[in-house]
Protein backbone atom coordinates (compact mmCIF):
# COMPACT_ATOMS: atom_id res chain seq x y z
CA MET A 1 60.57 88.71 112.16
CA LEU A 2 60.35 85.05 111.19
CA TRP A 3 62.69 84.40 108.27
CA THR A 4 61.02 82.10 105.74
CA PRO A 5 61.49 81.37 102.04
CA GLU A 6 58.23 83.23 101.41
CA ASN A 7 59.76 86.44 102.82
CA TRP A 8 62.61 86.17 100.36
CA GLY A 9 60.97 84.90 97.20
CA SER A 10 62.94 83.06 94.52
CA VAL A 11 66.44 83.58 93.18
CA PRO A 12 66.65 87.08 91.66
CA CYS A 13 65.71 87.42 88.01
CA GLY A 14 68.76 87.38 85.77
CA TRP A 15 70.73 84.70 87.63
CA MET A 16 70.61 81.33 85.84
CA ARG A 17 73.97 79.70 86.62
CA SER A 18 74.16 76.49 88.64
CA HIS A 19 77.93 76.91 89.10
CA LEU A 20 80.15 79.74 90.28
CA LEU A 21 83.56 79.00 88.77
CA GLY A 22 85.03 82.47 88.35
CA LEU A 23 84.28 86.14 87.81
CA GLU A 24 85.93 86.50 84.41
CA ASP A 25 82.91 84.96 82.68
CA LEU A 26 80.26 86.81 84.69
CA SER A 27 78.60 89.93 83.41
CA ARG A 28 78.36 93.17 85.38
CA GLU A 29 74.67 92.40 85.95
CA GLU A 30 75.40 88.93 87.34
CA ILE A 31 78.07 90.24 89.70
CA THR A 32 75.69 92.98 90.86
CA ILE A 33 72.94 90.42 91.51
CA LEU A 34 75.24 88.49 93.87
CA LEU A 35 76.43 91.68 95.58
CA ASP A 36 72.86 92.89 96.10
CA LEU A 37 71.82 89.52 97.46
CA ALA A 38 74.83 89.36 99.80
CA ASP A 39 74.11 92.89 100.99
CA ARG A 40 70.57 91.83 101.85
CA PHE A 41 71.82 88.76 103.71
CA ARG A 42 74.17 90.93 105.74
CA ASN A 43 71.63 93.65 106.50
CA GLU A 44 68.65 91.46 107.31
CA ILE A 45 70.29 88.33 108.75
CA LEU A 46 73.87 88.83 109.93
CA GLU A 47 73.20 92.23 111.50
CA SER A 48 69.75 91.34 112.81
CA SER A 49 69.05 90.95 116.52
CA GLU A 50 67.88 87.48 115.53
CA ASN A 51 71.10 86.70 113.69
CA LYS A 52 71.54 83.32 115.36
CA ARG A 53 68.39 82.02 113.74
CA LYS A 54 68.60 79.99 110.59
CA LEU A 55 66.95 81.17 107.41
CA PRO A 56 65.58 77.91 105.93
CA LEU A 57 66.11 78.80 102.28
CA LEU A 58 68.20 75.65 101.79
CA SER A 59 66.41 73.42 104.27
CA GLY A 60 66.79 69.78 103.22
CA LYS A 61 69.79 70.53 100.98
CA ALA A 62 73.22 68.95 101.51
CA ILE A 63 76.52 70.75 100.85
CA VAL A 64 79.99 69.22 100.89
CA ASN A 65 83.09 71.36 101.49
CA LEU A 66 85.65 69.53 99.34
CA PHE A 67 88.81 71.34 100.42
CA LEU A 68 91.96 69.71 99.06
CA GLU A 69 94.12 72.68 100.05
CA ASN A 70 94.51 74.42 103.41
CA SER A 71 91.99 77.08 104.40
CA THR A 72 90.67 78.79 107.51
CA ARG A 73 88.42 81.75 106.66
CA THR A 74 86.99 80.41 103.40
CA ARG A 75 86.20 76.93 104.68
CA THR A 76 84.71 78.18 107.94
CA SER A 77 82.62 80.88 106.27
CA PHE A 78 81.21 78.47 103.66
CA GLY A 79 80.27 76.12 106.50
CA LEU A 80 78.59 78.93 108.44
CA ALA A 81 76.87 80.21 105.28
CA GLY A 82 75.37 76.82 104.49
CA ARG A 83 74.19 76.26 108.05
CA ARG A 84 72.71 79.76 108.31
CA LEU A 85 70.61 78.84 105.27
CA GLY A 86 69.42 75.64 106.91
CA ALA A 87 71.48 73.21 104.82
CA ASP A 88 73.34 70.16 106.07
CA VAL A 89 77.08 70.81 105.63
CA VAL A 90 79.78 68.13 105.56
CA ASP A 91 83.45 69.09 105.76
CA PHE A 92 85.61 66.77 103.67
CA SER A 93 89.13 65.99 104.92
CA ALA A 94 91.55 65.08 102.13
CA ALA A 95 94.21 63.73 104.50
CA THR A 96 91.93 60.95 105.78
CA SER A 97 90.11 60.27 102.51
CA SER A 98 90.59 58.00 99.51
CA VAL A 99 92.31 60.87 97.69
CA ALA A 100 95.33 60.07 99.85
CA LYS A 101 95.10 56.51 98.52
CA GLY A 102 95.23 57.59 94.89
CA GLU A 103 91.58 58.13 94.01
CA THR A 104 91.04 60.92 91.47
CA VAL A 105 89.24 64.06 92.55
CA VAL A 106 86.51 63.38 89.95
CA ASP A 107 85.88 59.87 91.30
CA THR A 108 85.84 61.24 94.85
CA ALA A 109 83.30 63.90 93.88
CA LYS A 110 81.12 61.40 92.01
CA ASN A 111 81.07 59.09 95.00
CA ILE A 112 80.11 61.96 97.27
CA GLN A 113 77.41 63.05 94.82
CA ALA A 114 76.00 59.51 94.82
CA MET A 115 75.16 60.07 98.49
CA GLY A 116 72.59 62.69 97.44
CA ILE A 117 74.29 66.05 97.80
CA ASP A 118 73.17 69.31 96.20
CA ALA A 119 76.40 71.32 96.05
CA VAL A 120 80.16 70.89 96.16
CA VAL A 121 82.36 73.74 97.36
CA VAL A 122 85.82 72.89 96.07
CA ARG A 123 89.29 74.24 96.75
CA HIS A 124 92.27 72.73 94.94
CA SER A 125 95.87 73.67 94.22
CA CYS A 126 95.41 72.87 90.52
CA PRO A 127 93.73 75.50 88.30
CA GLY A 128 90.62 74.23 86.53
CA VAL A 129 89.50 71.57 89.01
CA PRO A 130 86.14 73.30 89.75
CA LYS A 131 85.37 73.41 86.01
CA LEU A 132 86.39 69.75 85.71
CA LEU A 133 83.92 68.83 88.44
CA ALA A 134 81.19 71.00 86.91
CA ASN A 135 81.63 69.09 83.65
CA ASN A 136 81.42 65.70 85.37
CA LEU A 137 78.77 66.13 88.05
CA LYS A 138 75.06 66.14 87.20
CA ASP A 139 72.29 67.88 89.12
CA CYS A 140 74.82 69.40 91.51
CA ALA A 141 76.03 72.97 91.97
CA VAL A 142 79.79 73.57 92.01
CA VAL A 143 81.26 76.63 93.73
CA ASN A 144 84.93 77.49 93.33
CA ALA A 145 86.59 78.24 96.67
CA GLY A 146 89.97 78.84 95.02
CA ASP A 147 91.77 76.87 92.32
CA GLY A 148 95.52 77.28 92.22
CA THR A 149 96.58 80.63 90.78
CA HIS A 150 93.42 80.89 88.65
CA GLU A 151 90.51 82.46 90.56
CA HIS A 152 88.86 82.87 93.95
CA PRO A 153 85.45 84.27 92.96
CA THR A 154 83.82 84.60 96.39
CA GLN A 155 86.88 86.47 97.69
CA GLY A 156 86.61 88.84 94.74
CA LEU A 157 82.93 89.33 95.50
CA LEU A 158 83.41 89.97 99.21
CA ASP A 159 86.17 92.47 98.47
CA ALA A 160 83.84 94.23 96.02
CA LEU A 161 81.02 94.21 98.57
CA THR A 162 83.33 95.71 101.21
CA ILE A 163 84.33 98.50 98.82
CA ARG A 164 80.73 99.19 97.77
CA ARG A 165 79.45 99.34 101.33
CA HIS A 166 82.19 101.86 102.16
CA PHE A 167 82.00 104.14 99.10
CA GLY A 168 78.50 103.46 97.77
CA SER A 169 79.62 102.78 94.19
CA PHE A 170 82.68 101.92 92.12
CA GLU A 171 82.58 104.73 89.59
CA GLY A 172 85.76 106.79 89.65
CA LEU A 173 87.47 104.65 92.31
CA LYS A 174 91.13 103.73 91.94
CA VAL A 175 91.84 100.39 93.57
CA ALA A 176 95.43 99.24 94.02
CA VAL A 177 96.05 95.50 94.25
CA VAL A 178 99.47 95.34 95.87
CA GLY A 179 101.89 92.45 96.18
CA ASP A 180 102.24 89.00 94.67
CA ILE A 181 100.10 89.46 91.57
CA SER A 182 101.74 86.61 89.65
CA HIS A 183 100.70 83.86 92.06
CA SER A 184 97.44 85.32 93.37
CA ARG A 185 94.02 83.97 92.41
CA VAL A 186 92.55 86.73 94.57
CA ALA A 187 94.20 89.37 92.38
CA ARG A 188 92.62 87.93 89.25
CA SER A 189 89.12 87.74 90.67
CA ASN A 190 89.45 91.27 92.04
CA ILE A 191 90.67 92.65 88.74
CA PHE A 192 87.89 91.00 86.71
CA ALA A 193 85.22 92.27 89.13
CA LEU A 194 86.58 95.80 89.42
CA LEU A 195 86.90 96.28 85.66
CA LYS A 196 83.29 95.22 85.11
CA LEU A 197 81.93 97.30 87.98
CA GLY A 198 83.51 100.54 86.78
CA ALA A 199 86.52 100.97 89.06
CA THR A 200 90.09 101.51 87.86
CA PRO A 201 92.41 98.73 89.09
CA ILE A 202 96.11 99.35 89.58
CA VAL A 203 98.54 96.45 90.06
CA CYS A 204 101.58 97.25 92.16
CA GLY A 205 104.53 95.21 93.37
CA PRO A 206 108.04 94.06 92.50
CA SER A 207 108.71 93.68 88.77
CA THR A 208 109.33 89.97 89.37
CA LEU A 209 105.74 89.59 90.60
CA VAL A 210 103.86 92.09 88.41
CA SER A 211 103.79 91.44 84.68
CA PRO A 212 103.77 94.47 82.34
CA TYR A 213 101.21 92.58 80.24
CA TRP A 214 98.48 93.67 82.66
CA LYS A 215 98.57 96.90 80.68
CA ASP A 216 96.92 94.97 77.84
CA TYR A 217 93.83 94.67 80.07
CA GLY A 218 93.74 98.42 80.53
CA LEU A 219 95.32 98.38 83.98
CA GLU A 220 97.86 100.79 85.38
CA VAL A 221 101.06 99.00 86.41
CA SER A 222 103.26 100.49 89.12
CA TYR A 223 106.44 99.14 90.67
CA SER A 224 106.46 101.76 93.41
CA LEU A 225 103.86 101.84 96.18
CA ASP A 226 105.05 105.28 97.27
CA ASP A 227 104.28 106.76 93.85
CA ILE A 228 100.58 105.80 93.94
CA LEU A 229 99.79 106.59 97.59
CA PRO A 230 98.27 110.07 97.07
CA TYR A 231 95.58 109.16 94.53
CA VAL A 232 94.45 105.60 95.37
CA ASP A 233 91.08 105.08 97.11
CA VAL A 234 91.45 101.41 98.09
CA PHE A 235 94.54 99.35 98.86
CA ASN A 236 94.12 95.59 98.66
CA LEU A 237 97.25 94.16 100.25
CA LEU A 238 98.07 90.63 99.11
CA ARG A 239 100.10 88.08 100.99
CA VAL A 240 103.34 86.97 99.36
CA GLN A 241 102.59 83.38 98.32
CA PHE A 242 105.89 81.68 99.09
CA GLU A 243 104.30 78.23 98.83
CA ARG A 244 103.61 78.75 95.11
CA GLN A 245 106.98 80.23 94.20
CA VAL A 246 109.77 78.17 92.66
CA VAL A 247 112.45 80.77 93.41
CA ARG A 248 112.50 83.75 95.76
CA PRO A 249 111.40 86.76 93.65
CA PHE A 250 113.15 89.36 95.83
CA PRO A 251 116.29 89.43 97.97
CA SER A 252 114.62 89.38 101.40
CA ILE A 253 111.36 89.80 103.27
CA ARG A 254 112.89 92.82 104.97
CA GLU A 255 113.43 94.50 101.61
CA TYR A 256 109.89 93.66 100.48
CA ALA A 257 108.44 95.16 103.65
CA HIS A 258 110.61 98.26 103.24
CA LEU A 259 109.29 98.88 99.72
CA TYR A 260 105.71 97.56 99.79
CA ALA A 261 104.38 97.23 103.34
CA MET A 262 101.52 99.57 104.23
CA ASN A 263 102.62 101.22 107.46
CA GLY A 264 101.53 104.25 109.42
CA GLU A 265 103.91 106.62 107.69
CA ARG A 266 102.67 105.58 104.24
CA LEU A 267 99.05 105.69 105.32
CA ARG A 268 99.45 109.31 106.39
CA ARG A 269 100.40 110.14 102.79
CA CYS A 270 97.18 108.57 101.48
CA LYS A 271 93.72 110.08 101.18
CA LYS A 272 92.11 110.45 104.59
CA ASP A 273 89.28 108.07 103.68
CA ALA A 274 91.52 105.53 101.90
CA LEU A 275 90.30 102.00 102.56
CA VAL A 276 92.71 99.18 103.44
CA ILE A 277 91.64 95.59 102.84
CA ALA A 278 93.49 92.27 102.73
CA PRO A 279 92.30 88.77 101.81
CA GLY A 280 94.15 87.12 104.68
CA PRO A 281 95.88 85.56 106.28
CA ILE A 282 97.77 88.77 106.91
CA ASN A 283 101.46 88.71 107.76
CA ARG A 284 102.00 91.59 110.14
CA GLY A 285 105.23 93.38 109.41
CA VAL A 286 105.45 92.07 105.85
CA GLU A 287 102.60 93.48 103.73
CA ILE A 288 100.94 95.43 106.55
CA THR A 289 101.83 96.69 110.00
CA SER A 290 99.68 96.30 113.09
CA GLU A 291 99.14 100.06 113.23
CA VAL A 292 97.36 99.89 109.86
CA ALA A 293 95.69 96.48 110.24
CA ASP A 294 94.03 97.55 113.48
CA GLY A 295 93.48 101.18 112.51
CA ARG A 296 90.41 103.15 111.43
CA ASN A 297 91.13 102.78 107.70
CA SER A 298 91.17 98.98 107.91
CA ALA A 299 88.12 96.97 106.83
CA ILE A 300 89.75 93.55 107.21
CA LEU A 301 87.25 92.22 109.75
CA ASP A 302 84.36 93.68 107.74
CA GLN A 303 85.62 91.55 104.86
CA VAL A 304 85.28 88.44 107.00
CA THR A 305 81.66 89.27 107.86
CA ASN A 306 80.94 90.10 104.23
CA GLY A 307 82.47 86.76 103.28
CA VAL A 308 79.72 84.86 105.09
CA ALA A 309 77.05 86.97 103.36
CA VAL A 310 78.63 86.51 99.92
CA ARG A 311 78.88 82.76 100.37
CA MET A 312 75.26 82.59 101.48
CA ALA A 313 74.36 84.39 98.27
CA ALA A 314 76.54 82.12 96.12
CA LEU A 315 75.14 78.91 97.63
CA TRP A 316 71.51 79.99 97.44
CA ALA A 317 71.76 81.29 93.89
CA THR A 318 73.59 78.29 92.44
CA ILE A 319 71.74 75.52 94.26
CA ASN A 320 68.36 76.96 93.30
CA SER A 321 69.45 77.20 89.67
CA VAL A 322 70.23 73.49 89.35
CA LYS A 323 67.71 71.87 87.01
CA LYS A 324 66.76 68.41 88.18
């Protein structure tokens, strides 16, 4: 089959946003539109025998990956997503740019936009930078690839897509987000998506990293992973974000692993079809053991594939919603 824009039609009815800044402000319908679109990209493009062919939905468009914080999976998958859609993709290096000379991120983005780009994918250590760029750039889509401890919307979407492809729906599912909740943008995006899609999120981790105020959002809060093992359907195992912590929130990594690592013994106390996911990078022996990461319950590599599909959906939907 020859993939052409005519085969795909226009952006699905109901999506009108030219920016994807977070999942907190999206409706259930908007999240579902992106999940459905990503599912179609995965089924018809990424899993096709012709999956090395480009789908020219964004032919002639230019996308800049403005990553001012380290990234491997997210940056690579956004680059692959843009190129699979036929766009020109430029990877921006902060270390060799004028940002290192003192130029503001807004001035940098405006200068890049003046070169005729259609979208900026931005990652920054400061919460709110994607919204700042969205407020200052005209005729240009802005996609948040992670802003500090605020949100990581495409990670939340790809996690949701992984869960939906495994279980079929979210209704009645209990999803435990385990680990460093306090410093995790992934946790926030996951929680916002899961609540709107009908699942029941549970936050679990040390009391120094899991605020009791999550109960105000209707979430179950647990400080013991062992207590929730028998009734949880999905375990999303977060990395401990040492780089964002001012003080060590627990005595040692060994103690954390003893209390919160998903290992083979714990997995055997879970439901047989319990799903294990992790946003990566995973630290083997800390939040997850190799036995679990490489086992039949793990969908970690499926998440990576779904990440490309989700980012294709996000780029196509936002760029085609820009009014020029």
